[in-house]
Amino acid sequence: MTFSLIAHCRRTGQFAVSVASSSPAVAARCAYVRAGLGAATTQNVTDPRLGPALLAALSQGLDAAAALAQVRAAATFAEYRQLTVLDSSGRAAAWSGAKTLGVYAEAVGDGAVAAGNLLANPGVPAAVLAAFRAADPAAELGARMVTAMQAGLAAGGEAGSLRSAGLLVAEREAWPLADLRVDWHDEPLSELSRFWEIWAPQMRDYVTRALNPAAAPSYGVPGDE
């Protein structure tokens, strides 16, 4: 019921996760990212404990493949899970258990990995990854993520209708640079793209407001949260 992409931008050091599903509020359960460390997804009969476990394994100094192996070995009902992980060097790993639902596939590349289950066809993750790799590396990572996910939808997407989507981007701070969610919508990836267009021009202003409010360009303007 889900397809996803995790990626690293070598230019900015950012890590990002984007995910879409026929289930509601998918990003709340499936997407995990930590600045300077990496990103992970846990999907398919989702166990939300496994995303943080993958990041914890990376924090121990394990690379993506070793982190995935450690989490798989310790997980309960691992055969139901589908996992992806990306480490600080951009190395990626993915795994789908034997009881992953429907048509499922993964596509692993340097600095990015896509995966999905209950797909319309097994080529969807490869289409997501190819679109990400074809995008302009000078563009914001969040924009490239959204474009790649839309390519996955154009390639068939899920076997059913999408209802939710999300995007997480981490840069240098402990909190995400972007944390956008569409929890229930008829066209969640289009809505996510719209949210990104609203958020992107101002996202770094919110970092400035946190770190040095006196330097924030619109600090004190009515309507600032």
Protein backbone atom coordinates (compact mmCIF):
# COMPACT_ATOMS: atom_id res chain seq x y z
CA MET A 1 0.00 0.00 0.00
CA THR A 2 3.06 2.26 -0.03
CA PHE A 3 5.96 3.48 -2.13
CA SER A 4 8.83 5.64 -0.94
CA LEU A 5 12.15 7.29 -1.71
CA ILE A 6 15.04 8.17 0.59
CA ALA A 7 17.94 10.25 -0.71
CA HIS A 8 21.07 12.22 0.17
CA CYS A 9 22.24 15.48 -1.42
CA ARG A 10 26.02 15.63 -1.46
CA ARG A 11 25.93 19.35 -2.30
CA THR A 12 24.00 20.40 0.81
CA GLY A 13 24.43 17.38 3.09
CA GLN A 14 20.66 17.05 3.35
CA PHE A 15 18.83 13.76 3.82
CA ALA A 16 15.21 13.30 2.80
CA VAL A 17 12.34 10.82 2.83
CA SER A 18 9.20 10.95 0.74
CA VAL A 19 6.41 8.40 0.99
CA ALA A 20 2.89 7.89 -0.38
CA SER A 21 0.18 5.38 0.46
CA SER A 22 -3.46 4.42 0.18
CA SER A 23 -3.52 4.44 3.99
CA PRO A 24 -4.03 7.66 5.99
CA ALA A 25 -1.19 9.60 7.63
CA VAL A 26 1.55 7.41 6.12
CA ALA A 27 4.46 9.73 6.97
CA ALA A 28 3.61 9.57 10.67
CA ARG A 29 4.48 5.87 10.74
CA CYS A 30 6.92 5.24 7.92
CA ALA A 31 9.38 8.14 7.42
CA TYR A 32 12.48 8.80 9.55
CA VAL A 33 15.46 11.13 9.03
CA ARG A 34 18.27 12.55 11.13
CA ALA A 35 20.60 15.39 10.14
CA GLY A 36 24.16 14.29 9.45
CA LEU A 37 23.30 10.62 9.94
CA GLY A 38 20.88 9.26 7.36
CA ALA A 39 17.30 8.30 6.58
CA ALA A 40 15.08 5.24 6.78
CA THR A 41 11.64 3.91 5.97
CA THR A 42 9.64 1.11 7.53
CA GLN A 43 6.57 0.05 5.54
CA ASN A 44 4.25 -2.86 4.66
CA VAL A 45 2.31 -4.01 7.76
CA THR A 46 4.37 -1.23 9.30
CA ASP A 47 6.27 -1.53 12.55
CA PRO A 48 7.09 2.13 13.40
CA ARG A 49 9.78 0.99 15.86
CA LEU A 50 12.02 -0.12 13.01
CA GLY A 51 12.70 3.32 11.50
CA PRO A 52 14.22 4.67 14.74
CA ALA A 53 16.03 1.35 15.18
CA LEU A 54 17.68 1.76 11.79
CA LEU A 55 18.82 5.29 12.65
CA ALA A 56 20.09 4.07 16.03
CA ALA A 57 22.13 1.40 14.27
CA LEU A 58 23.63 4.02 11.97
CA SER A 59 24.53 6.12 15.02
CA GLN A 60 26.56 3.16 16.29
CA GLY A 61 28.80 3.51 13.24
CA LEU A 62 27.25 0.76 11.11
CA ASP A 63 26.86 1.31 7.40
CA ALA A 64 23.48 0.94 5.70
CA ALA A 65 23.78 -2.77 4.93
CA ALA A 66 25.01 -3.65 8.42
CA ALA A 67 22.34 -1.51 10.07
CA LEU A 68 19.64 -3.23 8.04
CA ALA A 69 21.01 -6.67 8.89
CA GLN A 70 21.08 -5.84 12.61
CA VAL A 71 17.52 -4.52 12.66
CA ARG A 72 16.18 -7.42 10.61
CA ALA A 73 17.77 -9.93 12.95
CA ALA A 74 16.20 -8.34 16.02
CA ALA A 75 12.76 -7.53 14.56
CA THR A 76 9.65 -9.49 15.43
CA PHE A 77 7.62 -10.70 12.42
CA ALA A 78 10.40 -9.47 10.15
CA GLU A 79 8.95 -11.39 7.21
CA TYR A 80 6.06 -8.87 7.07
CA ARG A 81 8.28 -5.78 6.85
CA GLN A 82 9.79 -3.74 4.04
CA LEU A 83 12.74 -1.54 5.03
CA THR A 84 15.08 0.96 3.39
CA VAL A 85 18.03 2.82 4.88
CA LEU A 86 20.65 5.34 3.74
CA ASP A 87 23.82 6.13 5.70
CA SER A 88 25.92 9.30 6.01
CA SER A 89 28.14 8.26 3.08
CA GLY A 90 25.14 7.80 0.79
CA ARG A 91 25.29 4.01 0.86
CA ALA A 92 21.81 2.49 0.57
CA ALA A 93 20.20 -0.82 1.43
CA ALA A 94 16.69 -2.25 1.09
CA TRP A 95 14.90 -5.42 2.08
CA SER A 96 11.44 -6.91 1.61
CA GLY A 97 10.26 -9.80 3.76
CA ALA A 98 8.71 -12.91 2.27
CA LYS A 99 5.22 -11.76 3.34
CA THR A 100 5.44 -8.33 1.76
CA LEU A 101 2.06 -7.60 0.19
CA GLY A 102 1.16 -7.83 -3.49
CA VAL A 103 3.61 -6.75 -6.17
CA TYR A 104 6.69 -5.33 -4.48
CA ALA A 105 10.14 -4.16 -5.53
CA GLU A 106 13.16 -2.10 -4.53
CA ALA A 107 15.59 0.04 -6.53
CA VAL A 108 18.93 0.87 -4.90
CA GLY A 109 21.39 3.46 -6.20
CA ASP A 110 24.24 5.61 -4.99
CA GLY A 111 22.74 8.12 -2.58
CA ALA A 112 19.12 6.99 -2.99
CA VAL A 113 16.80 4.01 -2.65
CA ALA A 114 13.14 3.50 -3.55
CA ALA A 115 10.80 0.69 -2.56
CA GLY A 116 7.13 -0.19 -2.66
CA ASN A 117 4.49 -2.81 -2.03
CA LEU A 118 1.02 -3.50 -3.47
CA LEU A 119 2.29 -1.76 -6.57
CA ALA A 120 0.59 -1.52 -9.94
CA ASN A 121 3.77 -3.03 -11.43
CA PRO A 122 7.30 -3.87 -10.23
CA GLY A 123 8.86 -1.03 -12.23
CA VAL A 124 7.54 1.75 -9.98
CA PRO A 125 10.55 2.02 -7.62
CA ALA A 126 12.95 2.03 -10.57
CA ALA A 127 10.93 4.86 -12.15
CA VAL A 128 11.12 6.84 -8.89
CA LEU A 129 14.87 6.34 -8.64
CA ALA A 130 15.46 7.17 -12.31
CA ALA A 131 13.50 10.41 -12.03
CA PHE A 132 15.43 11.40 -8.94
CA ARG A 133 18.76 10.73 -10.61
CA ALA A 134 17.68 12.69 -13.71
CA ALA A 135 16.68 15.77 -11.70
CA ASP A 136 18.92 18.84 -11.57
CA PRO A 137 21.34 18.35 -8.64
CA ALA A 138 21.38 22.14 -8.15
CA ALA A 139 17.66 22.07 -7.29
CA GLU A 140 16.46 21.75 -3.71
CA LEU A 141 16.43 18.15 -2.53
CA GLY A 142 12.78 18.47 -1.50
CA ALA A 143 11.79 19.51 -5.01
CA ARG A 144 13.66 16.56 -6.51
CA MET A 145 11.94 14.19 -4.08
CA VAL A 146 8.47 15.43 -4.99
CA THR A 147 9.23 15.19 -8.72
CA ALA A 148 10.53 11.63 -8.33
CA MET A 149 7.45 10.50 -6.41
CA GLN A 150 5.20 11.97 -9.08
CA ALA A 151 7.16 9.94 -11.65
CA GLY A 152 6.39 6.84 -9.60
CA LEU A 153 2.71 7.67 -9.74
CA ALA A 154 2.94 8.22 -13.50
CA ALA A 155 4.62 4.80 -13.83
CA GLY A 156 1.61 3.16 -12.19
CA GLY A 157 2.00 3.89 -8.50
CA GLU A 158 0.02 1.65 -6.19
CA ALA A 159 -2.53 -0.88 -7.29
CA GLY A 160 -5.13 1.23 -5.44
CA SER A 161 -5.70 4.95 -5.05
CA LEU A 162 -3.26 7.06 -3.06
CA ARG A 163 -4.67 8.91 -0.06
CA SER A 164 -1.70 10.30 1.89
CA ALA A 165 1.87 11.47 1.34
CA GLY A 166 4.71 13.11 3.21
CA LEU A 167 8.13 14.69 2.86
CA LEU A 168 10.88 15.01 5.48
CA VAL A 169 14.13 16.90 4.84
CA ALA A 170 16.93 17.25 7.41
CA GLU A 171 19.90 19.56 6.98
CA ARG A 172 21.99 20.66 10.00
CA GLU A 173 19.61 21.18 12.90
CA ALA A 174 18.02 18.56 15.14
CA TRP A 175 14.58 19.36 13.71
CA PRO A 176 13.58 18.89 10.06
CA LEU A 177 14.11 21.66 7.53
CA ALA A 178 10.86 20.44 5.96
CA ASP A 179 8.16 18.23 7.47
CA LEU A 180 5.16 18.27 5.14
CA ARG A 181 2.22 15.87 5.35
CA VAL A 182 -0.97 15.24 3.45
CA ASP A 183 -2.90 12.87 5.67
CA TRP A 184 -6.03 12.31 3.55
CA HIS A 185 -6.62 13.66 0.06
CA ASP A 186 -7.79 12.43 -3.34
CA GLU A 187 -4.50 13.58 -4.96
CA PRO A 188 -1.97 13.60 -2.13
CA LEU A 189 1.18 13.92 -4.25
CA SER A 190 -0.24 16.94 -6.09
CA GLU A 191 -1.17 18.45 -2.74
CA LEU A 192 2.29 17.67 -1.36
CA SER A 193 3.82 19.46 -4.34
CA ARG A 194 1.61 22.47 -3.62
CA PHE A 195 2.67 22.45 0.05
CA TRP A 196 6.32 22.31 -1.03
CA GLU A 197 5.90 25.35 -3.28
CA ILE A 198 4.46 27.26 -0.32
CA TRP A 199 7.07 26.10 2.18
CA ALA A 200 10.32 26.14 0.19
CA PRO A 201 10.75 29.93 -0.17
CA GLN A 202 10.43 30.48 3.58
CA MET A 203 11.75 27.30 5.18
CA ARG A 204 15.17 28.71 6.08
CA ASP A 205 13.58 31.80 7.63
CA TYR A 206 12.09 29.51 10.26
CA VAL A 207 15.53 28.13 11.05
CA THR A 208 16.82 31.70 11.46
CA ARG A 209 13.90 32.52 13.75
CA ALA A 210 14.88 29.60 15.96
CA LEU A 211 18.62 30.26 16.05
CA ASN A 212 18.76 34.06 15.86
CA PRO A 213 15.36 35.75 15.89
CA ALA A 214 16.88 39.21 15.73
CA ALA A 215 18.18 38.36 12.25
CA ALA A 216 14.92 36.88 10.98
CA PRO A 217 13.69 38.93 8.00
CA SER A 218 10.07 39.17 9.13
CA TYR A 219 10.40 38.74 12.88
CA GLY A 220 7.70 40.64 14.72
CA VAL A 221 5.34 40.90 11.76
CA PRO A 222 1.74 40.11 12.76
CA GLY A 223 0.96 36.54 11.79
CA ASP A 224 4.37 35.08 12.71
CA GLU A 225 3.89 32.02 14.82
